[in-house]
Amino acid sequence: MPKLRIALIAGLFSLALAASTGAATPTTLPAGATIAGIDVSGLDRAGAMAKVQAGLQPVWERPVNVVVEKRTKQVATTDLGQTIDYQGMVDAAFKEVARNHHTIHIKLAKTIDGKKLTAFITKLGKPYYKAPRNSRVVLGVRKIKRIHGRPGHGIRASNLRQKLINELRHPSPARLIHARTGRIQPKVTLKTLARRYSTYVTVDRNAFKLRLFKRLRLVKTYPIAVGMAGLETPAGIRHVLEKQVNPDWHVPNSPWAGSLAGQTIPASDPRDPIKARWLGLGDGVGIHGTSEDWSIGTRASHGCIRMHVSDVIALYPRVPVGTPVLIH
């Protein structure tokens, strides 16, 4: 019995040893194994690494020559953000062997860091860059001063970026890239500003004039009345906040309103001083028509801007909500 037990134990030990040997990490790659198209059959990790680097570096890691206005700069692919993961590819090959895969074909593991590529293009372009100047306007009471922008100059960054990406993805024999330079147009033009300030209104209290500007050009001037002494039309920049046709008059709780203070006077009531149209500028101030035509050209209102009824009717559809109104 002791001999039988010893034999049994020896047999179990042999099986365990065989299983352990079968599960051991492989030290070489099988026949037909490739990494990025390079044959690495029978090689260990160090050998596979050396052969893959020797095969890929002359193709993928050769410097790129970038020509800018007849000047050539040689650039390492790492400076363009390219990284080839040699270690990762070799590790992947041996993992496939450990999984008992008989066919080992590992693809090229290559990445491009977009931020690093952008940083290179920015640095390369600095000596050739002249900033464009945006167009601008000075909004006045009587006129709008238009200041033209001017183009700048520099590398066509998006064009160069795409060329470099294409070169890194598909290496050419010459590894030669021509960067284009040219005019850089300003982002803000007078057309842009004309759309931004499609409508602009000014109120000239001293001249008793309301001016309507469309796309930065004066198109109409209207006579007006403004606030009387003590109830002056407030100066500053405002905006059209609301519009109404034949509005009721919500009388403010002010001493000048007398017995009408706090009441709402309907549009049909002769006591309603707001005629035809109302363009509200906030705080009870607005542009409206008046039946007191004699007051136009004077300081007669309680803070509002009065217009002839026919004028305010003509102005109303041409001034959208949100229009800036400069009161001076």
Protein backbone atom coordinates (compact mmCIF):
# COMPACT_ATOMS: atom_id res chain seq x y z
CA MET A 1 0.00 0.00 0.00
CA PRO A 2 2.74 2.53 0.76
CA LYS A 3 4.25 1.89 -2.71
CA LEU A 4 0.82 2.41 -4.35
CA ARG A 5 0.35 5.69 -2.49
CA ILE A 6 3.78 6.92 -3.53
CA ALA A 7 3.07 6.06 -7.15
CA LEU A 8 -0.29 7.84 -7.02
CA ILE A 9 1.25 10.99 -5.53
CA ALA A 10 4.01 10.92 -8.15
CA GLY A 11 1.41 10.63 -10.92
CA LEU A 12 -0.59 13.58 -9.61
CA PHE A 13 2.59 15.66 -9.33
CA SER A 14 3.46 14.86 -12.96
CA LEU A 15 -0.01 15.98 -14.12
CA ALA A 16 0.21 19.21 -12.14
CA LEU A 17 3.66 19.90 -13.55
CA ALA A 18 2.42 19.30 -17.10
CA ALA A 19 -0.55 21.61 -16.59
CA SER A 20 1.71 24.26 -15.13
CA THR A 21 4.09 23.97 -18.05
CA GLY A 22 1.23 24.24 -20.56
CA ALA A 23 -0.05 27.46 -18.92
CA ALA A 24 3.37 29.13 -18.85
CA THR A 25 3.72 32.50 -20.60
CA PRO A 26 5.07 31.94 -24.14
CA THR A 27 8.57 33.21 -24.78
CA THR A 28 8.49 33.28 -28.59
CA LEU A 29 5.97 34.05 -31.30
CA PRO A 30 4.61 31.29 -33.56
CA ALA A 31 5.36 30.88 -37.25
CA GLY A 32 3.50 33.34 -39.47
CA ALA A 33 3.10 35.98 -36.73
CA THR A 34 3.17 39.58 -37.95
CA ILE A 35 3.12 43.00 -36.28
CA ALA A 36 2.13 45.93 -38.52
CA GLY A 37 2.85 43.70 -41.52
CA ILE A 38 6.35 42.71 -40.32
CA ASP A 39 7.14 38.99 -39.93
CA VAL A 40 8.14 38.26 -36.32
CA SER A 41 7.99 34.44 -36.45
CA GLY A 42 9.97 32.70 -33.69
CA LEU A 43 11.14 35.94 -32.06
CA ASP A 44 11.12 36.71 -28.36
CA ARG A 45 9.97 40.08 -26.99
CA ALA A 46 13.28 41.84 -27.44
CA GLY A 47 13.76 40.43 -30.92
CA ALA A 48 10.23 41.32 -31.98
CA MET A 49 10.62 44.84 -30.62
CA ALA A 50 13.91 45.39 -32.45
CA LYS A 51 12.63 44.03 -35.75
CA VAL A 52 9.38 46.01 -35.66
CA GLN A 53 11.21 49.25 -34.84
CA ALA A 54 13.76 48.61 -37.58
CA GLY A 55 10.98 48.00 -40.08
CA LEU A 56 8.62 50.84 -39.13
CA GLN A 57 10.88 53.72 -38.19
CA PRO A 58 12.30 54.33 -41.71
CA VAL A 59 8.74 54.53 -43.07
CA TRP A 60 6.68 56.19 -40.33
CA GLU A 61 9.18 58.20 -38.31
CA ARG A 62 11.19 59.91 -41.00
CA PRO A 63 11.17 63.71 -40.48
CA VAL A 64 8.67 65.75 -42.49
CA ASN A 65 9.96 68.74 -44.50
CA VAL A 66 7.61 71.74 -44.35
CA VAL A 67 8.21 74.54 -46.87
CA VAL A 68 6.90 78.03 -46.04
CA GLU A 69 7.65 80.84 -48.50
CA LYS A 70 10.80 79.07 -49.82
CA ARG A 71 12.06 78.25 -46.33
CA THR A 72 12.24 74.55 -45.38
CA LYS A 73 11.88 73.30 -41.84
CA GLN A 74 12.54 69.65 -40.99
CA VAL A 75 10.18 68.40 -38.31
CA ALA A 76 10.25 65.20 -36.25
CA THR A 77 7.01 63.23 -36.38
CA THR A 78 6.85 63.33 -32.58
CA ASP A 79 6.69 67.14 -32.78
CA LEU A 80 3.65 66.71 -35.03
CA GLY A 81 1.96 64.64 -32.35
CA GLN A 82 2.56 61.17 -33.81
CA THR A 83 3.20 58.25 -31.45
CA ILE A 84 3.79 54.61 -32.44
CA ASP A 85 3.13 52.18 -29.61
CA TYR A 86 5.83 49.56 -30.22
CA GLN A 87 5.58 48.10 -26.72
CA GLY A 88 1.81 47.87 -26.94
CA MET A 89 1.94 46.00 -30.26
CA VAL A 90 4.49 43.45 -28.98
CA ASP A 91 2.50 42.93 -25.77
CA ALA A 92 -0.66 42.40 -27.84
CA ALA A 93 1.08 39.74 -29.94
CA PHE A 94 2.17 37.73 -26.90
CA LYS A 95 -1.28 38.04 -25.33
CA GLU A 96 -2.76 36.48 -28.46
CA VAL A 97 -0.29 33.59 -28.13
CA ALA A 98 -1.25 33.11 -24.47
CA ARG A 99 -4.86 32.78 -25.58
CA ASN A 100 -3.80 29.91 -27.87
CA HIS A 101 -4.52 31.87 -31.00
CA HIS A 102 -2.57 30.28 -33.83
CA THR A 103 -2.90 33.23 -36.24
CA ILE A 104 -1.17 36.36 -34.89
CA HIS A 105 -1.58 39.55 -36.95
CA ILE A 106 -1.31 42.78 -34.96
CA LYS A 107 -2.27 46.05 -36.63
CA LEU A 108 -0.17 49.20 -36.53
CA ALA A 109 -0.85 51.10 -33.28
CA LYS A 110 -0.37 54.78 -34.14
CA THR A 111 -1.99 57.93 -32.76
CA ILE A 112 -1.86 61.64 -33.60
CA ASP A 113 -2.18 64.18 -30.77
CA GLY A 114 -4.31 66.97 -32.23
CA LYS A 115 -3.28 69.53 -29.57
CA LYS A 116 0.41 68.93 -30.23
CA LEU A 117 -0.16 69.25 -33.98
CA THR A 118 -2.01 72.54 -33.45
CA ALA A 119 0.80 73.84 -31.23
CA PHE A 120 3.35 73.10 -33.94
CA ILE A 121 1.32 74.87 -36.65
CA THR A 122 0.83 77.91 -34.39
CA LYS A 123 4.55 78.14 -33.62
CA LEU A 124 5.49 77.65 -37.27
CA GLY A 125 3.11 80.40 -38.37
CA LYS A 126 4.16 83.13 -35.91
CA PRO A 127 6.89 84.70 -38.09
CA TYR A 128 4.45 84.97 -41.01
CA TYR A 129 1.43 86.24 -39.05
CA LYS A 130 -0.03 89.72 -39.25
CA ALA A 131 -3.35 90.09 -37.49
CA PRO A 132 -6.39 91.31 -39.43
CA ARG A 133 -8.29 94.34 -38.15
CA ASN A 134 -12.02 94.04 -37.68
CA SER A 135 -14.39 96.65 -39.03
CA ARG A 136 -16.13 98.77 -36.42
CA VAL A 137 -18.64 101.55 -36.12
CA VAL A 138 -19.01 104.58 -33.89
CA LEU A 139 -22.68 105.14 -33.23
CA GLY A 140 -23.42 108.84 -33.07
CA VAL A 141 -26.55 110.92 -32.79
CA ARG A 142 -26.45 112.49 -36.26
CA LYS A 143 -24.45 109.85 -38.10
CA ILE A 144 -22.74 106.48 -37.85
CA LYS A 145 -19.01 106.49 -38.50
CA ARG A 146 -17.95 103.35 -40.38
CA ILE A 147 -14.35 102.21 -40.00
CA HIS A 148 -13.27 99.62 -42.53
CA GLY A 149 -11.33 96.56 -41.43
CA ARG A 150 -8.21 95.31 -43.14
CA PRO A 151 -7.02 91.80 -43.99
CA GLY A 152 -4.08 90.21 -42.24
CA HIS A 153 -1.57 87.66 -43.48
CA GLY A 154 -0.48 84.23 -42.36
CA ILE A 155 -0.30 80.50 -42.92
CA ARG A 156 -3.47 78.78 -44.06
CA ALA A 157 -3.60 76.73 -40.88
CA SER A 158 -6.51 74.44 -41.71
CA ASN A 159 -5.01 73.60 -45.10
CA LEU A 160 -1.59 72.84 -43.58
CA ARG A 161 -3.13 70.78 -40.80
CA GLN A 162 -4.94 68.53 -43.26
CA LYS A 163 -1.79 68.09 -45.36
CA LEU A 164 0.22 67.07 -42.29
CA ILE A 165 -2.46 64.63 -41.13
CA ASN A 166 -2.55 63.06 -44.60
CA GLU A 167 1.26 62.75 -44.59
CA LEU A 168 1.28 61.12 -41.16
CA ARG A 169 -1.43 58.68 -42.23
CA HIS A 170 0.08 57.93 -45.64
CA PRO A 171 3.87 58.59 -45.67
CA SER A 172 5.15 59.75 -49.03
CA PRO A 173 8.66 59.02 -50.36
CA ALA A 174 9.67 62.71 -50.28
CA ARG A 175 7.92 63.65 -47.02
CA LEU A 176 7.59 67.19 -48.40
CA ILE A 177 4.74 69.55 -47.49
CA HIS A 178 4.18 73.03 -48.91
CA ALA A 179 2.37 75.38 -46.51
CA ARG A 180 0.26 78.04 -48.16
CA THR A 181 0.22 81.62 -46.94
CA GLY A 182 -2.22 84.33 -47.84
CA ARG A 183 -4.64 86.99 -46.72
CA ILE A 184 -6.62 86.43 -43.54
CA GLN A 185 -9.95 88.18 -43.70
CA PRO A 186 -11.27 89.92 -40.56
CA LYS A 187 -14.09 88.16 -38.75
CA VAL A 188 -16.11 91.37 -38.43
CA THR A 189 -16.86 93.29 -41.63
CA LEU A 190 -19.11 96.23 -42.34
CA LYS A 191 -21.63 93.75 -43.73
CA THR A 192 -21.52 91.91 -40.42
CA LEU A 193 -22.11 95.15 -38.54
CA ALA A 194 -24.86 96.18 -40.93
CA ARG A 195 -26.70 92.98 -40.03
CA ARG A 196 -26.01 93.48 -36.32
CA TYR A 197 -27.25 97.08 -36.42
CA SER A 198 -29.94 96.57 -39.04
CA THR A 199 -32.02 99.23 -37.26
CA TYR A 200 -30.80 102.04 -35.03
CA VAL A 201 -32.69 105.07 -33.72
CA THR A 202 -31.37 108.28 -32.19
CA VAL A 203 -33.22 111.03 -30.34
CA ASP A 204 -31.59 114.47 -30.53
CA ARG A 205 -33.28 116.40 -27.72
CA ASN A 206 -31.62 119.73 -28.54
CA ALA A 207 -32.50 119.60 -32.24
CA PHE A 208 -35.91 117.94 -31.64
CA LYS A 209 -35.09 115.26 -34.19
CA LEU A 210 -35.56 111.49 -34.29
CA ARG A 211 -33.31 109.78 -36.80
CA LEU A 212 -33.86 106.32 -38.23
CA PHE A 213 -30.82 104.38 -39.47
CA LYS A 214 -31.05 101.19 -41.52
CA ARG A 215 -27.94 99.03 -42.14
CA LEU A 216 -25.71 101.85 -40.81
CA ARG A 217 -27.19 104.52 -43.08
CA LEU A 218 -29.51 107.40 -42.22
CA VAL A 219 -32.80 106.84 -44.03
CA LYS A 220 -35.26 109.22 -42.34
CA THR A 221 -35.40 112.17 -39.95
CA TYR A 222 -38.59 113.07 -38.05
CA PRO A 223 -39.47 116.15 -35.98
CA ILE A 224 -40.34 115.40 -32.36
CA ALA A 225 -41.20 116.89 -28.98
CA VAL A 226 -39.34 115.89 -25.82
CA GLY A 227 -39.77 116.24 -22.05
CA MET A 228 -40.37 119.61 -20.45
CA ALA A 229 -38.18 121.16 -17.76
CA GLY A 230 -38.31 119.01 -14.64
CA LEU A 231 -39.66 116.05 -16.61
CA GLU A 232 -36.86 115.74 -19.15
CA THR A 233 -36.61 112.78 -21.51
CA PRO A 234 -33.82 110.71 -19.91
CA ALA A 235 -30.55 110.52 -21.83
CA GLY A 236 -28.70 107.28 -22.54
CA ILE A 237 -28.97 104.13 -24.57
CA ARG A 238 -32.27 102.29 -24.42
CA HIS A 239 -33.99 99.59 -26.45
CA VAL A 240 -37.48 99.15 -27.84
CA LEU A 241 -39.02 96.75 -25.33
CA GLU A 242 -42.61 96.65 -26.54
CA LYS A 243 -44.87 97.85 -29.34
CA GLN A 244 -48.61 98.54 -29.35
CA VAL A 245 -51.21 99.82 -31.81
CA ASN A 246 -53.75 102.30 -30.39
CA PRO A 247 -52.67 101.61 -26.82
CA ASP A 248 -54.49 102.46 -23.64
CA TRP A 249 -52.80 104.96 -21.33
CA HIS A 250 -51.71 103.57 -18.00
CA VAL A 251 -51.40 106.80 -16.08
CA PRO A 252 -48.34 106.86 -13.79
CA ASN A 253 -48.70 107.64 -10.10
CA SER A 254 -46.99 110.99 -10.47
CA PRO A 255 -48.03 114.41 -9.11
CA TRP A 256 -48.31 115.84 -12.63
CA ALA A 257 -51.05 113.29 -13.46
CA GLY A 258 -53.43 114.88 -10.95
CA SER A 259 -56.76 113.10 -10.49
CA LEU A 260 -55.94 110.65 -13.34
CA ALA A 261 -52.94 109.13 -11.48
CA GLY A 262 -53.06 105.33 -11.43
CA GLN A 263 -55.98 105.06 -13.84
CA THR A 264 -56.13 103.36 -17.24
CA ILE A 265 -57.51 105.59 -19.96
CA PRO A 266 -58.74 103.63 -23.02
CA ALA A 267 -57.52 104.56 -26.49
CA SER A 268 -61.00 105.75 -27.45
CA ASP A 269 -61.01 108.33 -24.65
CA PRO A 270 -60.05 111.86 -25.83
CA ARG A 271 -57.98 112.22 -22.65
CA ASP A 272 -55.56 109.53 -23.86
CA PRO A 273 -52.46 111.47 -25.06
CA ILE A 274 -50.87 108.36 -26.63
CA LYS A 275 -52.13 108.35 -30.18
CA ALA A 276 -51.92 105.68 -32.88
CA ARG A 277 -48.73 103.84 -31.89
CA TRP A 278 -46.53 103.16 -28.87
CA LEU A 279 -42.88 102.03 -28.82
CA GLY A 280 -42.00 101.46 -25.17
CA LEU A 281 -38.43 102.13 -23.98
CA GLY A 282 -38.95 101.18 -20.33
CA ASP A 283 -39.64 103.15 -17.13
CA GLY A 284 -42.75 104.66 -18.66
CA VAL A 285 -40.79 106.35 -21.46
CA GLY A 286 -41.77 105.72 -25.04
CA ILE A 287 -42.23 107.03 -28.56
CA HIS A 288 -45.84 107.78 -29.51
CA GLY A 289 -48.09 109.90 -31.65
CA THR A 290 -49.75 113.05 -30.32
CA SER A 291 -52.84 115.07 -31.16
CA GLU A 292 -51.04 118.22 -30.02
CA ASP A 293 -49.18 118.85 -33.26
CA TRP A 294 -48.29 122.35 -32.09
CA SER A 295 -46.01 120.82 -29.42
CA ILE A 296 -43.67 119.19 -31.98
CA GLY A 297 -40.32 120.98 -31.91
CA THR A 298 -40.65 121.96 -28.23
CA ARG A 299 -40.09 120.61 -24.72
CA ALA A 300 -43.67 119.78 -23.92
CA SER A 301 -44.07 116.13 -22.87
CA HIS A 302 -43.81 114.44 -19.49
CA GLY A 303 -40.70 112.53 -20.58
CA CYS A 304 -41.87 110.70 -23.71
CA ILE A 305 -40.93 111.39 -27.33
CA ARG A 306 -43.91 112.77 -29.23
CA MET A 307 -44.34 112.47 -33.00
CA HIS A 308 -46.92 113.50 -35.57
CA VAL A 309 -49.45 110.68 -35.91
CA SER A 310 -48.62 110.09 -39.58
CA ASP A 311 -44.89 109.93 -38.71
CA VAL A 312 -45.23 107.44 -35.87
CA ILE A 313 -47.46 105.24 -38.05
CA ALA A 314 -44.74 105.27 -40.74
CA LEU A 315 -41.96 104.61 -38.20
CA TYR A 316 -43.71 101.79 -36.33
CA PRO A 317 -43.25 98.86 -38.78
CA ARG A 318 -39.63 99.82 -39.48
CA VAL A 319 -38.48 99.53 -35.86
CA PRO A 320 -38.52 95.98 -34.41
CA VAL A 321 -38.48 95.11 -30.73
CA GLY A 322 -34.88 95.14 -29.48
CA THR A 323 -33.81 98.13 -31.58
CA PRO A 324 -31.25 100.32 -29.74
CA VAL A 325 -32.33 103.91 -29.17
CA LEU A 326 -29.69 106.50 -28.27
CA ILE A 327 -31.14 109.54 -26.49
CA HIS A 328 -28.79 112.52 -26.36
